[in-house]
């Protein structure tokens, strides 16, 4: 069962709108929420785990994620010089009610925005070829961050424009609007394997088998997709998970290392310093 995020964790007072810029990592858990989220990838490449599908994403990919749909982003590489960055606009049913008078009544988008009418989790994926959404998201993030006079009115107007663009995309003759897609990359199963089993004994052979490839071919495909070797990627995931434990729990360093799959503490200390530039103790105190 995924984590359920509540709008009250983000909304301020009676403002039912929230925006943030997120550098995606490996510590955020798979989650759903009681609000609606429109998320735009603005930099980098990565993976979107969404319900039972795994999608390769890059700059320009946009997702409308209704209430109750489980998802999480992951960067392709643990290398911080190649981040996966998203802009996220979240709002709830109150905002939809306020805006729907300015939207056509008979459209699929309104059905997706209405959690009471959804019979199963779903979503919308669109590729922002003309960067129209990027422009609107950038304006929205600027309004929300700087909060000049009348910023809430501006945010509602910008959200309405975003929703209208999505409706136009859905009705276009050659719409680039996709729903409930299938995996796009031959090594998607390997990413799922790492995400689910990072604390266990992960093997290159098993990852290749799950991807229906020979070990040699899989190694080449994985390095091509992520820029790093399979072992380096797994180590990066484990160390980031460990960093999260050190910052958010009272586990000892050894317990944290064991929790993410390391029992050889000498190896762990050397790897942790190599990948973070500090010892686990220094990282916890920073």
Protein backbone atom coordinates (compact mmCIF):
# COMPACT_ATOMS: atom_id res chain seq x y z
CA UNK A 1 0.00 0.00 0.00
CA UNK A 2 1.42 3.41 -0.97
CA UNK A 3 1.68 6.46 1.24
CA UNK A 4 -1.31 8.83 1.06
CA UNK A 5 -0.43 12.54 1.05
CA UNK A 6 -3.00 15.02 2.36
CA UNK A 7 -3.68 18.45 0.92
CA UNK A 8 -3.58 19.95 4.41
CA UNK A 9 0.16 19.22 4.47
CA UNK A 10 0.65 21.71 1.62
CA UNK A 11 -2.23 24.20 1.50
CA UNK A 12 -2.08 27.35 3.60
CA UNK A 13 -5.31 28.46 5.26
CA UNK A 14 -8.09 28.68 2.70
CA UNK A 15 -5.68 28.68 -0.23
CA UNK A 16 -6.24 25.38 -2.04
CA UNK A 17 -3.32 25.81 -4.43
CA UNK A 18 0.33 24.86 -3.99
CA UNK A 19 3.38 24.81 -6.27
CA UNK A 20 6.89 23.53 -5.81
CA UNK A 21 10.07 22.78 -7.72
CA UNK A 22 11.40 19.34 -6.86
CA UNK A 23 14.78 17.74 -7.54
CA UNK A 24 13.69 14.11 -7.66
CA UNK A 25 15.70 11.45 -5.83
CA UNK A 26 15.45 7.94 -4.48
CA UNK A 27 14.00 8.67 -1.02
CA UNK A 28 10.42 9.69 -1.83
CA UNK A 29 8.05 6.75 -1.37
CA UNK A 30 5.45 5.60 -3.87
CA UNK A 31 2.40 7.67 -2.94
CA UNK A 32 -1.10 8.77 -3.86
CA UNK A 33 -2.93 11.87 -2.62
CA UNK A 34 -6.31 13.36 -1.81
CA UNK A 35 -5.66 16.27 -4.19
CA UNK A 36 -5.00 16.64 -7.93
CA UNK A 37 -1.47 17.16 -9.22
CA UNK A 38 -0.20 18.40 -12.57
CA UNK A 39 3.51 17.71 -12.85
CA UNK A 40 5.90 18.93 -15.56
CA UNK A 41 9.43 17.61 -16.06
CA UNK A 42 11.61 20.69 -16.64
CA UNK A 43 15.09 19.15 -16.63
CA UNK A 44 16.80 15.79 -17.01
CA UNK A 45 15.64 12.26 -17.68
CA UNK A 46 14.18 9.62 -15.41
CA UNK A 47 11.43 7.16 -14.67
CA UNK A 48 7.84 7.68 -13.56
CA UNK A 49 6.39 4.72 -11.67
CA UNK A 50 2.63 5.19 -11.96
CA UNK A 51 0.21 2.50 -10.79
CA UNK A 52 1.44 -0.70 -12.52
CA UNK A 53 3.32 1.03 -15.33
CA UNK A 54 6.87 2.34 -15.69
CA UNK A 55 7.39 5.29 -18.03
CA UNK A 56 10.61 6.83 -19.25
CA UNK A 57 10.36 10.64 -18.87
CA UNK A 58 12.35 13.65 -20.00
CA UNK A 59 12.07 17.43 -20.16
CA UNK A 60 8.63 18.31 -21.54
CA UNK A 61 6.69 15.35 -20.15
CA UNK A 62 3.57 16.45 -18.29
CA UNK A 63 1.28 14.33 -16.10
CA UNK A 64 -2.15 15.04 -14.70
CA UNK A 65 -2.47 12.76 -11.67
CA UNK A 66 -5.98 12.57 -10.16
CA UNK A 67 -6.95 11.70 -6.60
CA UNK A 68 -5.96 8.16 -5.59
CA UNK A 69 -3.43 7.43 -8.35
CA UNK A 70 -0.12 6.07 -7.00
CA UNK A 71 3.12 7.35 -8.51
CA UNK A 72 6.72 8.40 -7.88
CA UNK A 73 9.58 9.80 -9.97
CA UNK A 74 13.11 8.40 -10.02
CA UNK A 75 16.17 9.88 -11.79
CA UNK A 76 18.00 7.62 -14.20
CA UNK A 77 21.30 8.19 -12.43
CA UNK A 78 22.32 8.87 -8.80
CA UNK A 79 24.80 11.41 -10.20
CA UNK A 80 23.70 14.79 -8.81
CA UNK A 81 25.18 16.58 -11.80
CA UNK A 82 22.35 15.13 -13.90
CA UNK A 83 19.22 15.91 -11.84
CA UNK A 84 15.62 15.13 -12.70
CA UNK A 85 13.67 18.32 -11.94
CA UNK A 86 9.89 18.80 -11.88
CA UNK A 87 7.47 21.69 -11.35
CA UNK A 88 4.32 20.53 -9.55
CA UNK A 89 0.97 22.34 -9.36
CA UNK A 90 -1.45 20.82 -6.85
CA UNK A 91 -5.05 21.77 -6.12
CA UNK A 92 -8.18 20.17 -4.69
CA UNK A 93 -11.88 19.73 -5.46
CA UNK A 94 -12.67 23.22 -4.14
CA UNK A 95 -10.49 24.76 -6.84
CA UNK A 96 -12.10 22.58 -9.51
CA UNK A 97 -15.58 23.63 -8.37
CA UNK A 98 -14.56 27.27 -8.55
CA UNK A 99 -13.13 26.94 -12.07
CA UNK A 100 -15.51 24.51 -13.73
CA UNK A 101 -18.00 27.28 -14.55
CA UNK A 102 -15.38 28.51 -17.02
CA UNK A 103 -14.94 25.07 -18.63
CA UNK A 104 -17.14 23.10 -21.05
CA UNK A 105 -19.37 20.71 -19.08
CA UNK A 106 -19.04 17.68 -21.33
CA UNK A 107 -15.36 16.86 -21.36
CA UNK A 108 -13.23 13.94 -20.22
CA UNK A 109 -10.90 16.18 -18.24
CA UNK A 110 -13.63 17.20 -15.79
CA UNK A 111 -14.41 13.53 -15.18
CA UNK A 112 -10.78 12.89 -14.25
CA UNK A 113 -10.78 15.91 -11.94
CA UNK A 114 -13.87 14.61 -10.13
CA UNK A 115 -12.71 11.91 -7.70
CA UNK A 116 -16.32 10.85 -7.05
CA UNK A 117 -16.72 9.78 -10.69
CA UNK A 118 -13.49 7.79 -11.01
CA UNK A 119 -14.01 4.02 -10.84
CA UNK A 120 -10.28 3.20 -10.89
CA UNK A 121 -6.95 5.05 -10.73
CA UNK A 122 -5.97 6.70 -14.01
CA UNK A 123 -3.95 9.63 -15.34
CA UNK A 124 -3.10 11.74 -18.37
CA UNK A 125 0.34 12.06 -19.97
CA UNK A 126 1.16 14.78 -22.50
CA UNK A 127 4.40 15.84 -24.17
CA UNK A 128 4.84 19.63 -24.22
CA UNK A 129 6.30 19.93 -27.72
CA UNK A 130 5.76 23.69 -28.05
CA UNK A 131 6.70 24.52 -24.42
CA UNK A 132 3.30 26.11 -23.87
CA UNK A 133 2.95 24.40 -20.50
CA UNK A 134 6.50 25.33 -19.50
CA UNK A 135 5.65 29.00 -19.97
CA UNK A 136 2.49 28.73 -17.84
CA UNK A 137 4.18 26.66 -15.14
CA UNK A 138 7.10 29.10 -14.94
CA UNK A 139 4.70 32.03 -14.53
CA UNK A 140 2.73 30.10 -11.91
CA UNK A 141 5.83 29.18 -9.90
CA UNK A 142 7.04 32.79 -10.02
CA UNK A 143 3.65 34.07 -8.78
CA UNK A 144 3.52 31.50 -5.97
CA UNK A 145 7.13 32.05 -4.85
CA UNK A 146 7.13 35.87 -4.94
CA UNK A 147 3.46 36.36 -3.92
CA UNK A 148 2.85 39.86 -5.30
CA UNK A 149 -0.53 41.52 -4.73
CA UNK A 150 -3.30 39.50 -6.38
CA UNK A 151 -1.15 36.39 -6.82
CA UNK A 152 -3.98 33.97 -5.94
CA UNK A 153 -6.20 35.41 -8.67
CA UNK A 154 -3.31 35.09 -11.11
CA UNK A 155 -2.68 31.48 -10.07
CA UNK A 156 -6.32 30.53 -10.65
CA UNK A 157 -6.23 32.17 -14.08
CA UNK A 158 -3.02 30.33 -14.96
CA UNK A 159 -4.43 27.01 -13.73
CA UNK A 160 -7.51 27.56 -15.88
CA UNK A 161 -5.26 28.14 -18.91
CA UNK A 162 -3.34 24.94 -18.15
CA UNK A 163 -6.58 22.93 -17.93
CA UNK A 164 -7.91 24.44 -21.17
CA UNK A 165 -4.66 23.53 -22.95
CA UNK A 166 -5.05 19.95 -21.74
CA UNK A 167 -8.63 19.87 -23.04
CA UNK A 168 -7.47 21.16 -26.44
CA UNK A 169 -4.72 18.56 -26.55
CA UNK A 170 -7.22 15.81 -25.81
CA UNK A 171 -9.54 16.90 -28.61
CA UNK A 172 -6.87 17.54 -31.27
CA UNK A 173 -7.06 15.25 -34.35
CA UNK A 174 -3.54 13.96 -33.70
CA UNK A 175 -3.58 14.25 -29.94
CA UNK A 176 -0.36 13.55 -28.08
CA UNK A 177 -2.45 12.82 -25.00
CA UNK A 178 -1.90 9.32 -23.63
CA UNK A 179 -3.53 7.38 -20.83
CA UNK A 180 -2.48 4.25 -18.92
CA UNK A 181 0.56 3.66 -21.10
CA UNK A 182 2.73 0.57 -21.26
CA UNK A 183 6.48 0.55 -20.41
CA UNK A 184 8.59 2.39 -22.97
CA UNK A 185 12.09 1.06 -22.33
CA UNK A 186 13.44 -2.50 -22.45
CA UNK A 187 15.13 -2.15 -19.04
CA UNK A 188 12.06 -0.83 -17.19
CA UNK A 189 11.73 -4.17 -15.39
CA UNK A 190 15.26 -3.76 -14.09
CA UNK A 191 14.41 -0.37 -12.59
CA UNK A 192 11.41 -1.92 -10.84
CA UNK A 193 13.60 -4.78 -9.60
CA UNK A 194 16.10 -2.33 -8.06
CA UNK A 195 13.37 -0.16 -6.53
CA UNK A 196 11.65 -3.12 -4.89
CA UNK A 197 14.69 -5.18 -3.87
CA UNK A 198 17.53 -2.68 -3.23
CA UNK A 199 17.97 -3.97 0.36
CA UNK A 200 18.36 -7.57 -0.80
CA UNK A 201 21.04 -9.34 -2.83
CA UNK A 202 20.58 -7.77 -6.26
CA UNK A 203 22.40 -9.46 -9.12
CA UNK A 204 23.22 -8.34 -12.64
CA UNK A 205 22.14 -11.75 -13.93
CA UNK A 206 18.69 -11.47 -12.35
CA UNK A 207 18.22 -7.93 -13.71
CA UNK A 208 19.19 -9.11 -17.20
CA UNK A 209 16.83 -12.09 -16.94
CA UNK A 210 13.92 -9.83 -15.96
CA UNK A 211 14.69 -7.68 -19.00
CA UNK A 212 14.85 -10.73 -21.32
CA UNK A 213 18.45 -9.96 -22.33
CA UNK A 214 21.86 -11.56 -22.13
CA UNK A 215 24.07 -10.12 -19.40
CA UNK A 216 26.38 -8.45 -21.91
CA UNK A 217 23.57 -6.84 -23.89
CA UNK A 218 21.84 -5.73 -20.70
CA UNK A 219 25.02 -4.07 -19.41
CA UNK A 220 25.33 -2.10 -22.63
CA UNK A 221 21.66 -1.05 -22.60
CA UNK A 222 21.76 -0.07 -18.94
CA UNK A 223 24.92 2.04 -19.34
CA UNK A 224 23.41 3.67 -22.42
CA UNK A 225 20.20 4.58 -20.55
CA UNK A 226 21.71 5.75 -17.25
CA UNK A 227 25.29 6.75 -18.02
CA UNK A 228 26.60 4.51 -15.23
CA UNK A 229 27.15 0.80 -14.68
CA UNK A 230 24.50 -1.39 -13.09
CA UNK A 231 26.50 -1.80 -9.86
CA UNK A 232 27.15 1.95 -9.60
CA UNK A 233 23.45 2.68 -10.03
CA UNK A 234 22.45 0.15 -7.33
CA UNK A 235 25.05 1.57 -4.95
CA UNK A 236 23.73 5.08 -5.58
CA UNK A 237 20.17 4.01 -4.78
CA UNK A 238 21.27 2.29 -1.56
CA UNK A 239 23.38 5.22 -0.36
CA UNK A 240 20.55 7.71 -1.02
CA UNK A 241 18.13 5.46 0.88
CA UNK A 242 20.65 5.29 3.72
CA UNK A 243 21.03 9.09 3.73
CA UNK A 244 17.27 9.35 4.13
CA UNK A 245 17.35 7.00 7.15
CA UNK A 246 20.21 8.93 8.76
CA UNK A 247 18.29 12.20 8.43
CA UNK A 248 14.82 10.98 9.38
CA UNK A 249 15.28 8.16 11.93
CA UNK A 250 17.22 7.38 15.12
CA UNK A 251 18.74 4.23 13.61
CA UNK A 252 22.45 3.77 14.24
CA UNK A 253 24.80 3.98 11.28
CA UNK A 254 25.16 0.20 11.26
CA UNK A 255 21.38 -0.33 11.42
CA UNK A 256 20.90 2.11 8.54
CA UNK A 257 23.58 0.35 6.49
CA UNK A 258 22.05 -3.07 7.19
CA UNK A 259 18.60 -1.75 6.29
CA UNK A 260 19.69 -0.85 2.75
CA UNK A 261 21.67 -4.02 2.14
CA UNK A 262 25.21 -3.44 3.49
CA UNK A 263 26.70 -5.75 6.12
CA UNK A 264 30.40 -5.12 5.45
CA UNK A 265 30.83 -1.89 7.39
CA UNK A 266 34.38 -1.20 6.17
CA UNK A 267 33.17 -1.32 2.56
CA UNK A 268 30.08 0.74 3.48
CA UNK A 269 32.09 3.54 5.14
CA UNK A 270 34.43 3.81 2.17
CA UNK A 271 31.56 3.84 -0.34
CA UNK A 272 29.51 6.35 1.67
CA UNK A 273 32.42 8.81 1.84
CA UNK A 274 33.18 8.32 -1.85
CA UNK A 275 29.58 9.05 -2.91
CA UNK A 276 28.69 11.83 -0.44
CA UNK A 277 32.04 13.40 0.45
CA UNK A 278 31.51 12.86 4.18
CA UNK A 279 31.21 10.11 6.78
CA UNK A 280 27.73 8.91 7.86
CA UNK A 281 28.17 10.66 11.21
CA UNK A 282 29.13 13.95 9.56
CA UNK A 283 26.22 13.64 7.13
CA UNK A 284 23.76 13.15 10.00
CA UNK A 285 25.02 16.24 11.83
CA UNK A 286 25.14 18.49 8.73
